[in-house]
PDB file of N, CA and C in Angstrom:
ATOM      1  N   UNK A   1       0.648  -1.183   0.191  1.00  0.00           N
ATOM      2  CA  UNK A   1       0.213  -0.007  -0.117  1.00  0.00           C
ATOM      3  C   UNK A   1       1.100   0.997  -0.178  1.00  0.00           C
ATOM      4  N   UNK A   2       0.620   2.322  -1.158  1.00  0.00           N
ATOM      5  CA  UNK A   2       1.485   3.469  -0.843  1.00  0.00           C
ATOM      6  C   UNK A   2       1.050   4.585  -0.189  1.00  0.00           C
ATOM      7  N   UNK A   3       1.751   5.364   0.530  1.00  0.00           N
ATOM      8  CA  UNK A   3       1.741   6.211   2.085  1.00  0.00           C
ATOM      9  C   UNK A   3       0.639   7.010   1.350  1.00  0.00           C
ATOM     10  N   UNK A   4      -0.053   7.700   0.676  1.00  0.00           N
ATOM     11  CA  UNK A   4      -1.057   8.620   0.090  1.00  0.00           C
ATOM     12  C   UNK A   4      -2.475   7.409   0.933  1.00  0.00           C
ATOM     13  N   UNK A   5      -3.016   6.494   0.419  1.00  0.00           N
ATOM     14  CA  UNK A   5      -3.717   5.308   0.035  1.00  0.00           C
ATOM     15  C   UNK A   5      -4.096   4.970   1.706  1.00  0.00           C
ATOM     16  N   UNK A   6      -2.156   4.674   2.726  1.00  0.00           N
ATOM     17  CA  UNK A   6      -2.212   5.015   4.043  1.00  0.00           C
ATOM     18  C   UNK A   6      -2.823   5.844   4.508  1.00  0.00           C
ATOM     19  N   UNK A   7      -2.757   7.371   4.234  1.00  0.00           N
ATOM     20  CA  UNK A   7      -2.355   8.952   5.009  1.00  0.00           C
ATOM     21  C   UNK A   7      -4.353   8.715   4.789  1.00  0.00           C
ATOM     22  N   UNK A   8      -4.986   8.233   3.540  1.00  0.00           N
ATOM     23  CA  UNK A   8      -6.482   8.470   3.234  1.00  0.00           C
ATOM     24  C   UNK A   8      -7.522   8.339   3.995  1.00  0.00           C
ATOM     25  N   UNK A   9      -6.795   6.808   4.164  1.00  0.00           N
ATOM     26  CA  UNK A   9      -7.717   5.510   5.238  1.00  0.00           C
ATOM     27  C   UNK A   9      -7.616   5.851   7.115  1.00  0.00           C
ATOM     28  N   UNK A  10      -6.335   6.834   6.963  1.00  0.00           N
ATOM     29  CA  UNK A  10      -5.788   6.699   8.363  1.00  0.00           C
ATOM     30  C   UNK A  10      -6.458   8.240   8.889  1.00  0.00           C
ATOM     31  N   UNK A  11      -7.164   8.865   8.157  1.00  0.00           N
ATOM     32  CA  UNK A  11      -7.722  10.760   8.276  1.00  0.00           C
ATOM     33  C   UNK A  11      -9.400   9.748   8.511  1.00  0.00           C
ATOM     34  N   UNK A  12      -9.782   9.090   7.174  1.00  0.00           N
ATOM     35  CA  UNK A  12     -11.119   8.469   7.837  1.00  0.00           C
ATOM     36  C   UNK A  12     -11.084   7.944   8.606  1.00  0.00           C
ATOM     37  N   UNK A  13     -10.309   7.138   9.360  1.00  0.00           N
ATOM     38  CA  UNK A  13     -10.274   6.386  10.806  1.00  0.00           C
ATOM     39  C   UNK A  13     -10.328   7.726  11.541  1.00  0.00           C
ATOM     40  N   UNK A  14      -9.764   8.477  11.290  1.00  0.00           N
ATOM     41  CA  UNK A  14      -9.761   9.824  12.806  1.00  0.00           C
ATOM     42  C   UNK A  14     -11.262  10.698  12.491  1.00  0.00           C
ATOM     43  N   UNK A  15     -11.525  11.211  11.415  1.00  0.00           N
ATOM     44  CA  UNK A  15     -12.920  11.586  11.103  1.00  0.00           C
ATOM     45  C   UNK A  15     -13.977  10.601  11.683  1.00  0.00           C
ATOM     46  N   UNK A  16     -14.175   9.467  11.332  1.00  0.00           N
ATOM     47  CA  UNK A  16     -15.258   9.000  12.005  1.00  0.00           C
ATOM     48  C   UNK A  16     -14.660   8.576  13.682  1.00  0.00           C
ATOM     49  N   UNK A  17     -13.924   8.568  14.222  1.00  0.00           N
ATOM     50  CA  UNK A  17     -13.942   8.300  15.585  1.00  0.00           C
ATOM     51  C   UNK A  17     -13.838   9.921  15.830  1.00  0.00           C
ATOM     52  N   UNK A  18     -13.620  10.453  15.838  1.00  0.00           N
ATOM     53  CA  UNK A  18     -13.920  12.333  16.081  1.00  0.00           C
ATOM     54  C   UNK A  18     -15.818  12.337  15.824  1.00  0.00           C
ATOM     55  N   UNK A  19     -16.278  12.093  14.735  1.00  0.00           N
ATOM     56  CA  UNK A  19     -17.808  11.580  14.721  1.00  0.00           C
ATOM     57  C   UNK A  19     -18.618  11.538  15.675  1.00  0.00           C
ATOM     58  N   UNK A  20     -18.223   9.827  15.911  1.00  0.00           N
ATOM     59  CA  UNK A  20     -18.311   8.856  17.093  1.00  0.00           C
ATOM     60  C   UNK A  20     -18.259   9.233  18.593  1.00  0.00           C
ATOM     61  N   UNK A  21     -17.322  10.520  18.697  1.00  0.00           N
ATOM     62  CA  UNK A  21     -17.287  10.999  19.993  1.00  0.00           C
ATOM     63  C   UNK A  21     -16.066  10.633  20.512  1.00  0.00           C
ATOM     64  N   UNK A  22     -15.160  10.042  20.231  1.00  0.00           N
ATOM     65  CA  UNK A  22     -13.561   9.243  20.196  1.00  0.00           C
ATOM     66  C   UNK A  22     -12.807  10.494  20.289  1.00  0.00           C
ATOM     67  N   UNK A  23     -11.752  10.301  20.918  1.00  0.00           N
ATOM     68  CA  UNK A  23     -10.480  11.193  21.061  1.00  0.00           C
ATOM     69  C   UNK A  23      -9.686   9.884  20.685  1.00  0.00           C
ATOM     70  N   UNK A  24      -9.189   9.725  19.358  1.00  0.00           N
ATOM     71  CA  UNK A  24      -8.656   9.554  18.571  1.00  0.00           C
ATOM     72  C   UNK A  24      -7.026   9.386  19.153  1.00  0.00           C
ATOM     73  N   UNK A  25      -5.646   8.942  18.996  1.00  0.00           N
ATOM     74  CA  UNK A  25      -4.700   8.591  18.717  1.00  0.00           C
ATOM     75  C   UNK A  25      -3.681   8.293  18.139  1.00  0.00           C
ATOM     76  N   UNK A  26      -3.207   8.276  17.687  1.00  0.00           N
ATOM     77  CA  UNK A  26      -2.772   7.483  15.864  1.00  0.00           C
ATOM     78  C   UNK A  26      -1.321   7.184  16.567  1.00  0.00           C
ATOM     79  N   UNK A  27      -0.590   5.888  16.240  1.00  0.00           N
ATOM     80  CA  UNK A  27       0.792   5.383  16.807  1.00  0.00           C
ATOM     81  C   UNK A  27       0.835   4.465  16.097  1.00  0.00           C
ATOM     82  N   UNK A  28       2.316   5.156  15.299  1.00  0.00           N
ATOM     83  CA  UNK A  28       2.902   4.472  13.711  1.00  0.00           C
ATOM     84  C   UNK A  28       3.293   3.496  14.825  1.00  0.00           C
ATOM     85  N   UNK A  29       3.561   1.799  14.126  1.00  0.00           N
ATOM     86  CA  UNK A  29       4.105   0.869  13.495  1.00  0.00           C
ATOM     87  C   UNK A  29       5.526   1.010  14.397  1.00  0.00           C
ATOM     88  N   UNK A  30       5.642  -0.278  15.236  1.00  0.00           N
ATOM     89  CA  UNK A  30       6.683  -0.393  16.137  1.00  0.00           C
ATOM     90  C   UNK A  30       7.903  -0.514  14.809  1.00  0.00           C
ATOM     91  N   UNK A  31       9.019  -0.855  14.687  1.00  0.00           N
ATOM     92  CA  UNK A  31      10.467  -0.591  14.121  1.00  0.00           C
ATOM     93  C   UNK A  31      10.479  -2.310  13.925  1.00  0.00           C
ATOM     94  N   UNK A  32      11.246  -3.380  12.615  1.00  0.00           N
ATOM     95  CA  UNK A  32      11.082  -4.210  12.849  1.00  0.00           C
ATOM     96  C   UNK A  32      12.776  -4.833  13.668  1.00  0.00           C
ATOM     97  N   UNK A  33      12.558  -5.708  12.941  1.00  0.00           N
ATOM     98  CA  UNK A  33      13.917  -5.775  13.366  1.00  0.00           C
ATOM     99  C   UNK A  33      14.910  -6.852  12.882  1.00  0.00           C
ATOM    100  N   UNK A  34      15.471  -5.714  11.362  1.00  0.00           N
ATOM    101  CA  UNK A  34      14.870  -6.703  10.327  1.00  0.00           C
ATOM    102  C   UNK A  34      16.764  -6.500   9.918  1.00  0.00           C
ATOM    103  N   UNK A  35      17.796  -6.076  10.333  1.00  0.00           N
ATOM    104  CA  UNK A  35      18.948  -5.676  10.315  1.00  0.00           C
ATOM    105  C   UNK A  35      19.245  -5.235  12.219  1.00  0.00           C
ATOM    106  N   UNK A  36      20.923  -5.201  12.008  1.00  0.00           N
ATOM    107  CA  UNK A  36      21.522  -3.691  13.120  1.00  0.00           C
ATOM    108  C   UNK A  36      22.339  -3.103  12.825  1.00  0.00           C
ATOM    109  N   UNK A  37      22.417  -1.853  12.801  1.00  0.00           N
ATOM    110  CA  UNK A  37      21.329  -1.587  13.303  1.00  0.00           C
ATOM    111  C   UNK A  37      20.146  -1.195  12.108  1.00  0.00           C
ATOM    112  N   UNK A  38      19.206  -0.429  13.258  1.00  0.00           N
ATOM    113  CA  UNK A  38      17.987  -0.741  12.096  1.00  0.00           C
ATOM    114  C   UNK A  38      17.854   0.737  11.647  1.00  0.00           C
ATOM    115  N   UNK A  39      17.711   0.594   9.945  1.00  0.00           N
ATOM    116  CA  UNK A  39      17.771   1.429   9.444  1.00  0.00           C
ATOM    117  C   UNK A  39      16.242   2.043   9.631  1.00  0.00           C
ATOM    118  N   UNK A  40      16.707   2.491   7.728  1.00  0.00           N
ATOM    119  CA  UNK A  40      15.163   3.228   7.035  1.00  0.00           C
ATOM    120  C   UNK A  40      14.044   2.202   7.388  1.00  0.00           C
ATOM    121  N   UNK A  41      12.633   2.822   8.329  1.00  0.00           N
ATOM    122  CA  UNK A  41      11.594   1.721   8.166  1.00  0.00           C
ATOM    123  C   UNK A  41      10.468   2.463   7.528  1.00  0.00           C
ATOM    124  N   UNK A  42      11.033   3.533   6.171  1.00  0.00           N
ATOM    125  CA  UNK A  42       9.916   3.857   5.845  1.00  0.00           C
ATOM    126  C   UNK A  42       9.033   3.167   5.843  1.00  0.00           C
ATOM    127  N   UNK A  43       8.864   2.030   5.149  1.00  0.00           N
ATOM    128  CA  UNK A  43       8.165   1.159   4.860  1.00  0.00           C
ATOM    129  C   UNK A  43       6.873   1.047   5.650  1.00  0.00           C
ATOM    130  N   UNK A  44       7.249   1.111   6.946  1.00  0.00           N
ATOM    131  CA  UNK A  44       6.603   1.347   8.377  1.00  0.00           C
ATOM    132  C   UNK A  44       5.476   2.598   8.151  1.00  0.00           C
ATOM    133  N   UNK A  45       5.067   3.044   7.132  1.00  0.00           N
ATOM    134  CA  UNK A  45       4.436   4.275   7.030  1.00  0.00           C
ATOM    135  C   UNK A  45       3.842   5.469   8.445  1.00  0.00           C
ATOM    136  N   UNK A  46       5.112   5.686   9.010  1.00  0.00           N
ATOM    137  CA  UNK A  46       5.132   6.155  10.501  1.00  0.00           C
ATOM    138  C   UNK A  46       4.847   7.845   8.951  1.00  0.00           C
ATOM    139  N   UNK A  47       5.637   8.014   8.336  1.00  0.00           N
ATOM    140  CA  UNK A  47       5.264   9.691   8.075  1.00  0.00           C
ATOM    141  C   UNK A  47       3.669  10.163   7.710  1.00  0.00           C
ATOM    142  N   UNK A  48       2.807   8.866   7.465  1.00  0.00           N
ATOM    143  CA  UNK A  48       1.394   9.009   6.412  1.00  0.00           C
ATOM    144  C   UNK A  48       0.691   9.143   8.009  1.00  0.00           C
ATOM    145  N   UNK A  49       1.337   8.051   9.131  1.00  0.00           N
ATOM    146  CA  UNK A  49       0.207   8.443  10.200  1.00  0.00           C
ATOM    147  C   UNK A  49       0.630   9.793  11.205  1.00  0.00           C
ATOM    148  N   UNK A  50       1.743  10.658  10.789  1.00  0.00           N
ATOM    149  CA  UNK A  50       1.962  11.928  11.412  1.00  0.00           C
ATOM    150  C   UNK A  50       1.121  12.818  10.260  1.00  0.00           C
ATOM    151  N   UNK A  51       1.011  12.571  10.089  1.00  0.00           N
ATOM    152  CA  UNK A  51       0.315  13.934   8.268  1.00  0.00           C
ATOM    153  C   UNK A  51      -1.549  13.415   8.667  1.00  0.00           C
ATOM    154  N   UNK A  52      -1.419  12.173   8.921  1.00  0.00           N
ATOM    155  CA  UNK A  52      -3.371  12.079   8.678  1.00  0.00           C
ATOM    156  C   UNK A  52      -3.969  12.513  10.751  1.00  0.00           C
ATOM    157  N   UNK A  53      -2.676  12.797  11.366  1.00  0.00           N
ATOM    158  CA  UNK A  53      -3.113  13.521  12.595  1.00  0.00           C
ATOM    159  C   UNK A  53      -2.971  14.297  13.011  1.00  0.00           C
ATOM    160  N   UNK A  54      -2.076  15.259  12.353  1.00  0.00           N
ATOM    161  CA  UNK A  54      -1.798  16.465  11.628  1.00  0.00           C
ATOM    162  C   UNK A  54      -3.527  17.393  11.137  1.00  0.00           C
ATOM    163  N   UNK A  55      -3.692  16.117  10.181  1.00  0.00           N
ATOM    164  CA  UNK A  55      -4.913  17.215   9.288  1.00  0.00           C
ATOM    165  C   UNK A  55      -6.227  16.427  10.293  1.00  0.00           C
ATOM    166  N   UNK A  56      -5.702  15.543  11.219  1.00  0.00           N
ATOM    167  CA  UNK A  56      -7.447  15.232  11.651  1.00  0.00           C
ATOM    168  C   UNK A  56      -6.997  16.234  13.643  1.00  0.00           C
ATOM    169  N   UNK A  57      -6.216  16.879  13.572  1.00  0.00           N
ATOM    170  CA  UNK A  57      -5.997  17.579  14.526  1.00  0.00           C
ATOM    171  C   UNK A  57      -5.688  16.879  16.157  1.00  0.00           C
ATOM    172  N   UNK A  58      -5.023  15.534  15.824  1.00  0.00           N
ATOM    173  CA  UNK A  58      -5.205  14.692  17.229  1.00  0.00           C
ATOM    174  C   UNK A  58      -3.559  13.986  17.665  1.00  0.00           C
ATOM    175  N   UNK A  59      -3.740  13.301  18.374  1.00  0.00           N
ATOM    176  CA  UNK A  59      -2.456  12.950  18.467  1.00  0.00           C
ATOM    177  C   UNK A  59      -1.301  12.553  18.322  1.00  0.00           C
ATOM    178  N   UNK A  60      -0.375  12.227  17.473  1.00  0.00           N
ATOM    179  CA  UNK A  60       0.619  11.441  17.329  1.00  0.00           C
ATOM    180  C   UNK A  60       1.684  10.178  17.883  1.00  0.00           C
ATOM    181  N   UNK A  61       1.822   9.418  18.201  1.00  0.00           N
ATOM    182  CA  UNK A  61       2.630   8.840  18.775  1.00  0.00           C
ATOM    183  C   UNK A  61       3.797   8.129  17.577  1.00  0.00           C
ATOM    184  N   UNK A  62       4.806   8.426  17.233  1.00  0.00           N
ATOM    185  CA  UNK A  62       5.919   8.067  16.375  1.00  0.00           C
ATOM    186  C   UNK A  62       6.501   6.307  17.534  1.00  0.00           C
ATOM    187  N   UNK A  63       5.939   5.223  17.255  1.00  0.00           N
ATOM    188  CA  UNK A  63       6.717   4.470  17.796  1.00  0.00           C
ATOM    189  C   UNK A  63       7.332   3.631  17.165  1.00  0.00           C
ATOM    190  N   UNK A  64       6.911   4.286  16.010  1.00  0.00           N
ATOM    191  CA  UNK A  64       8.503   3.468  14.674  1.00  0.00           C
ATOM    192  C   UNK A  64       9.936   3.892  15.062  1.00  0.00           C
ATOM    193  N   UNK A  65       9.898   5.719  14.795  1.00  0.00           N
ATOM    194  CA  UNK A  65      11.134   6.119  15.757  1.00  0.00           C
ATOM    195  C   UNK A  65      10.918   5.282  17.149  1.00  0.00           C
ATOM    196  N   UNK A  66      11.100   5.632  18.357  1.00  0.00           N
ATOM    197  CA  UNK A  66      11.202   5.642  19.366  1.00  0.00           C
ATOM    198  C   UNK A  66      11.614   3.637  20.018  1.00  0.00           C
ATOM    199  N   UNK A  67      10.781   2.996  19.315  1.00  0.00           N
ATOM    200  CA  UNK A  67      11.321   2.037  18.910  1.00  0.00           C
ATOM    201  C   UNK A  67      12.361   1.438  18.009  1.00  0.00           C
ATOM    202  N   UNK A  68      12.895   2.211  16.835  1.00  0.00           N
ATOM    203  CA  UNK A  68      14.008   2.271  16.259  1.00  0.00           C
ATOM    204  C   UNK A  68      15.027   2.898  17.561  1.00  0.00           C
ATOM    205  N   UNK A  69      15.118   3.631  18.225  1.00  0.00           N
ATOM    206  CA  UNK A  69      16.104   4.324  19.326  1.00  0.00           C
ATOM    207  C   UNK A  69      16.347   3.246  19.823  1.00  0.00           C
ATOM    208  N   UNK A  70      15.148   2.712  20.602  1.00  0.00           N
ATOM    209  CA  UNK A  70      15.495   1.962  21.316  1.00  0.00           C
ATOM    210  C   UNK A  70      16.511   0.112  21.033  1.00  0.00           C
ATOM    211  N   UNK A  71      16.051  -0.410  19.944  1.00  0.00           N
ATOM    212  CA  UNK A  71      16.908  -1.270  19.340  1.00  0.00           C
ATOM    213  C   UNK A  71      18.225  -1.008  19.211  1.00  0.00           C
ATOM    214  N   UNK A  72      18.635   0.681  18.581  1.00  0.00           N
ATOM    215  CA  UNK A  72      19.813   0.229  18.192  1.00  0.00           C
ATOM    216  C   UNK A  72      20.346   0.567  19.377  1.00  0.00           C
ATOM    217  N   UNK A  73      19.802   0.666  20.332  1.00  0.00           N
ATOM    218  CA  UNK A  73      20.779   1.283  22.213  1.00  0.00           C
ATOM    219  C   UNK A  73      21.260  -0.966  22.444  1.00  0.00           C
ATOM    220  N   UNK A  74      20.546  -2.134  21.836  1.00  0.00           N
ATOM    221  CA  UNK A  74      20.789  -3.331  22.276  1.00  0.00           C
ATOM    222  C   UNK A  74      22.116  -3.774  21.754  1.00  0.00           C
ATOM    223  N   UNK A  75      22.375  -3.212  21.342  1.00  0.00           N
ATOM    224  CA  UNK A  75      24.293  -3.716  20.618  1.00  0.00           C
ATOM    225  C   UNK A  75      23.826  -4.569  19.221  1.00  0.00           C
ATOM    226  N   UNK A  76      22.851  -5.341  19.535  1.00  0.00           N
ATOM    227  CA  UNK A  76      23.152  -6.458  18.190  1.00  0.00           C
ATOM    228  C   UNK A  76      21.985  -7.060  17.471  1.00  0.00           C
ATOM    229  N   UNK A  77      22.086  -7.393  15.890  1.00  0.00           N
ATOM    230  CA  UNK A  77      20.546  -7.845  16.232  1.00  0.00           C
ATOM    231  C   UNK A  77      19.947  -9.733  17.347  1.00  0.00           C
ATOM    232  N   UNK A  78      21.450  -9.881  17.790  1.00  0.00           N
ATOM    233  CA  UNK A  78      21.008 -10.937  18.907  1.00  0.00           C
ATOM    234  C   UNK A  78      20.272 -10.410  19.717  1.00  0.00           C
ATOM    235  N   UNK A  79      20.543  -9.268  20.029  1.00  0.00           N
ATOM    236  CA  UNK A  79      19.907  -9.019  21.540  1.00  0.00           C
ATOM    237  C   UNK A  79      18.501  -8.127  20.447  1.00  0.00           C
ATOM    238  N   UNK A  80      18.322  -7.406  19.605  1.00  0.00           N
ATOM    239  CA  UNK A  80      16.857  -7.189  19.220  1.00  0.00           C
ATOM    240  C   UNK A  80      15.880  -9.111  19.424  1.00  0.00           C
ATOM    241  N   UNK A  81      16.737  -9.042  18.810  1.00  0.00           N
ATOM    242  CA  UNK A  81      15.282 -10.051  18.920  1.00  0.00           C
ATOM    243  C   UNK A  81      15.373 -11.339  20.171  1.00  0.00           C
ATOM    244  N   UNK A  82      15.737 -11.186  20.981  1.00  0.00           N
ATOM    245  CA  UNK A  82      15.802 -11.387  22.528  1.00  0.00           C
ATOM    246  C   UNK A  82      13.777 -10.615  23.127  1.00  0.00           C
ATOM    247  N   UNK A  83      13.349  -9.572  22.193  1.00  0.00           N
ATOM    248  CA  UNK A  83      12.879  -8.898  22.511  1.00  0.00           C
ATOM    249  C   UNK A  83      10.922 -10.128  21.738  1.00  0.00           C
ATOM    250  N   UNK A  84      11.783 -10.782  20.852  1.00  0.00           N
ATOM    251  CA  UNK A  84      10.904 -11.144  20.026  1.00  0.00           C
ATOM    252  C   UNK A  84      10.108 -12.236  19.815  1.00  0.00           C
ATOM    253  N   UNK A  85       9.276 -12.254  19.579  1.00  0.00           N
ATOM    254  CA  UNK A  85       8.410 -13.633  19.528  1.00  0.00           C
ATOM    255  C   UNK A  85       9.446 -14.857  18.710  1.00  0.00           C
ATOM    256  N   UNK A  86       9.479 -16.373  19.150  1.00  0.00           N
ATOM    257  CA  UNK A  86      10.227 -17.263  18.932  1.00  0.00           C
ATOM    258  C   UNK A  86      12.169 -16.680  19.225  1.00  0.00           C
ATOM    259  N   UNK A  87      12.760 -15.636  19.088  1.00  0.00           N
ATOM    260  CA  UNK A  87      13.632 -14.972  19.233  1.00  0.00           C
ATOM    261  C   UNK A  87      14.367 -15.528  17.757  1.00  0.00           C
ATOM    262  N   UNK A  88      13.309 -14.963  16.983  1.00  0.00           N
ATOM    263  CA  UNK A  88      13.017 -14.653  15.315  1.00  0.00           C
ATOM    264  C   UNK A  88      12.377 -13.881  14.940  1.00  0.00           C
ATOM    265  N   UNK A  89      10.968 -13.900  15.472  1.00  0.00           N
ATOM    266  CA  UNK A  89      10.393 -12.577  14.201  1.00  0.00           C
ATOM    267  C   UNK A  89      10.558 -11.492  14.487  1.00  0.00           C
ATOM    268  N   UNK A  90      10.387 -10.904  13.648  1.00  0.00           N
ATOM    269  CA  UNK A  90      11.283  -9.748  13.400  1.00  0.00           C
ATOM    270  C   UNK A  90      10.156  -8.264  13.009  1.00  0.00           C
ATOM    271  N   UNK A  91       9.492  -9.287  13.896  1.00  0.00           N
ATOM    272  CA  UNK A  91       8.301  -7.783  13.833  1.00  0.00           C
ATOM    273  C   UNK A  91       7.042  -8.406  14.989  1.00  0.00           C
ATOM    274  N   UNK A  92       6.889  -9.316  15.059  1.00  0.00           N
ATOM    275  CA  UNK A  92       6.205  -9.776  16.528  1.00  0.00           C
ATOM    276  C   UNK A  92       6.817  -9.403  18.285  1.00  0.00           C
ATOM    277  N   UNK A  93       6.414  -8.896  19.385  1.00  0.00           N
ATOM    278  CA  UNK A  93       7.955  -8.918  20.053  1.00  0.00           C
ATOM    279  C   UNK A  93       6.205 -10.205  21.260  1.00  0.00           C
ATOM    280  N   UNK A  94       7.849 -10.785  21.933  1.00  0.00           N
ATOM    281  CA  UNK A  94       7.019 -11.343  22.834  1.00  0.00           C
ATOM    282  C   UNK A  94       6.682 -10.552  24.381  1.00  0.00           C
ATOM    283  N   UNK A  95       6.390 -11.567  25.501  1.00  0.00           N
ATOM    284  CA  UNK A  95       5.817 -10.447  25.914  1.00  0.00           C
ATOM    285  C   UNK A  95       6.344  -9.101  26.519  1.00  0.00           C
ATOM    286  N   UNK A  96       8.457  -9.466  26.803  1.00  0.00           N
ATOM    287  CA  UNK A  96       9.278  -8.809  27.052  1.00  0.00           C
ATOM    288  C   UNK A  96       9.070  -7.130  26.909  1.00  0.00           C
ATOM    289  N   UNK A  97       9.228  -7.627  25.156  1.00  0.00           N
ATOM    290  CA  UNK A  97       9.088  -6.314  23.945  1.00  0.00           C
ATOM    291  C   UNK A  97       8.113  -6.193  23.786  1.00  0.00           C
ATOM    292  N   UNK A  98       6.964  -6.579  24.431  1.00  0.00           N
ATOM    293  CA  UNK A  98       5.239  -5.753  24.529  1.00  0.00           C
ATOM    294  C   UNK A  98       5.216  -5.202  25.649  1.00  0.00           C
ATOM    295  N   UNK A  99       5.826  -5.364  26.315  1.00  0.00           N
ATOM    296  CA  UNK A  99       6.027  -4.255  27.701  1.00  0.00           C
ATOM    297  C   UNK A  99       6.447  -3.036  27.514  1.00  0.00           C
ATOM    298  N   UNK A 100       7.787  -3.842  26.753  1.00  0.00           N
ATOM    299  CA  UNK A 100       8.976  -2.585  26.108  1.00  0.00           C
ATOM    300  C   UNK A 100       8.209  -1.547  25.856  1.00  0.00           C
ATOM    301  N   UNK A 101       7.468  -1.912  24.150  1.00  0.00           N
ATOM    302  CA  UNK A 101       6.930  -1.631  23.625  1.00  0.00           C
ATOM    303  C   UNK A 101       5.498  -0.261  24.542  1.00  0.00           C
ATOM    304  N   UNK A 102       5.040  -0.850  25.016  1.00  0.00           N
ATOM    305  CA  UNK A 102       3.698  -0.036  25.352  1.00  0.00           C
ATOM    306  C   UNK A 102       4.583   1.278  26.493  1.00  0.00           C
ATOM    307  N   UNK A 103       5.430   0.526  27.324  1.00  0.00           N
ATOM    308  CA  UNK A 103       6.382   1.789  27.816  1.00  0.00           C
ATOM    309  C   UNK A 103       7.189   2.903  27.585  1.00  0.00           C
ATOM    310  N   UNK A 104       7.351   2.607  26.168  1.00  0.00           N
ATOM    311  CA  UNK A 104       7.672   3.541  25.178  1.00  0.00           C
ATOM    312  C   UNK A 104       5.800   4.592  24.871  1.00  0.00           C
ATOM    313  N   UNK A 105       5.342   4.168  24.558  1.00  0.00           N
ATOM    314  CA  UNK A 105       3.883   4.566  23.965  1.00  0.00           C
ATOM    315  C   UNK A 105       3.879   5.718  25.453  1.00  0.00           C
ATOM    316  N   UNK A 106       3.527   4.883  26.581  1.00  0.00           N
ATOM    317  CA  UNK A 106       2.973   5.509  28.439  1.00  0.00           C
ATOM    318  C   UNK A 106       3.753   6.697  27.619  1.00  0.00           C
ATOM    319  N   UNK A 107       5.307   6.845  27.855  1.00  0.00           N
ATOM    320  CA  UNK A 107       6.305   7.496  28.213  1.00  0.00           C
ATOM    321  C   UNK A 107       5.895   8.579  26.638  1.00  0.00           C
ATOM    322  N   UNK A 108       4.961   8.442  26.123  1.00  0.00           N
ATOM    323  CA  UNK A 108       5.543   9.389  25.224  1.00  0.00           C
ATOM    324  C   UNK A 108       4.158  10.120  25.610  1.00  0.00           C
ATOM    325  N   UNK A 109       2.959   9.633  26.254  1.00  0.00           N
ATOM    326  CA  UNK A 109       1.817  10.054  25.672  1.00  0.00           C
ATOM    327  C   UNK A 109       1.906  11.133  27.427  1.00  0.00           C
ATOM    328  N   UNK A 110       2.977  10.310  28.253  1.00  0.00           N
ATOM    329  CA  UNK A 110       2.949  11.854  29.109  1.00  0.00           C
ATOM    330  C   UNK A 110       4.259  12.787  29.126  1.00  0.00           C
ATOM    331  N   UNK A 111       5.248  12.522  28.023  1.00  0.00           N
ATOM    332  CA  UNK A 111       6.078  13.760  27.556  1.00  0.00           C
ATOM    333  C   UNK A 111       5.149  14.354  26.514  1.00  0.00           C
ATOM    334  N   UNK A 112       4.382  13.669  25.943  1.00  0.00           N
ATOM    335  CA  UNK A 112       3.254  15.122  25.394  1.00  0.00           C
ATOM    336  C   UNK A 112       2.211  15.304  26.066  1.00  0.00           C
ATOM    337  N   UNK A 113       1.744  15.705  26.891  1.00  0.00           N
ATOM    338  CA  UNK A 113       0.798  15.807  27.751  1.00  0.00           C
ATOM    339  C   UNK A 113      -0.553  15.030  27.480  1.00  0.00           C
ATOM    340  N   UNK A 114      -0.729  14.075  26.547  1.00  0.00           N
ATOM    341  CA  UNK A 114      -2.044  13.869  26.134  1.00  0.00           C
ATOM    342  C   UNK A 114      -2.711  12.719  27.297  1.00  0.00           C
ATOM    343  N   UNK A 115      -3.894  13.717  27.498  1.00  0.00           N
ATOM    344  CA  UNK A 115      -5.087  13.269  28.031  1.00  0.00           C
ATOM    345  C   UNK A 115      -5.152  12.168  28.923  1.00  0.00           C
ATOM    346  N   UNK A 116      -5.149  11.697  28.053  1.00  0.00           N
ATOM    347  CA  UNK A 116      -5.077  10.007  28.623  1.00  0.00           C
ATOM    348  C   UNK A 116      -3.504   9.366  29.739  1.00  0.00           C
ATOM    349  N   UNK A 117      -2.823  10.387  29.495  1.00  0.00           N
ATOM    350  CA  UNK A 117      -1.472  10.071  30.119  1.00  0.00           C
ATOM    351  C   UNK A 117      -2.084   9.738  31.736  1.00  0.00           C
ATOM    352  N   UNK A 118      -2.537  11.055  32.502  1.00  0.00           N
ATOM    353  CA  UNK A 118      -3.495  11.061  33.623  1.00  0.00           C
ATOM    354  C   UNK A 118      -3.715  10.378  34.410  1.00  0.00           C
ATOM    355  N   UNK A 119      -4.177   8.698  33.593  1.00  0.00           N
ATOM    356  CA  UNK A 119      -5.557   7.006  33.954  1.00  0.00           C
ATOM    357  C   UNK A 119      -4.032   6.249  33.997  1.00  0.00           C
ATOM    358  N   UNK A 120      -2.286   6.498  33.698  1.00  0.00           N
ATOM    359  CA  UNK A 120      -1.444   6.352  33.352  1.00  0.00           C
ATOM    360  C   UNK A 120      -0.692   5.146  34.954  1.00  0.00           C
ATOM    361  N   UNK A 121      -0.633   4.400  35.738  1.00  0.00           N
ATOM    362  CA  UNK A 121       0.061   3.968  36.586  1.00  0.00           C
ATOM    363  C   UNK A 121       1.820   4.329  36.226  1.00  0.00           C
ATOM    364  N   UNK A 122       2.089   4.961  37.450  1.00  0.00           N
ATOM    365  CA  UNK A 122       3.404   6.104  37.406  1.00  0.00           C
ATOM    366  C   UNK A 122       4.501   5.101  37.143  1.00  0.00           C
TER     367      UNK A 122
END
């Protein structure tokens, strides 16, 4: 799927959510542990999600960038994969990986003062 289609779809979802009285937050997907260090992740369409969030006036959390930065601190692809399913799945995390990604999202909510942050455990 191309960037324009992703952005159009996300914009529709944001508009539909707002019409239903929902406060939307767009979060880009986590990086894929395909190499070390992790490089270009543009195929995950984070820029499209950011543009859709801006167009809809809703918060955006760039989990692609946050997870890329975190993975790149781990030192090797083998270390990255310890946080992934079966120790080999480059996309899907195991429980510790999921908890770390959730923590990145929670911290971004706090950093951006997104209203939902007040309900997060400290």
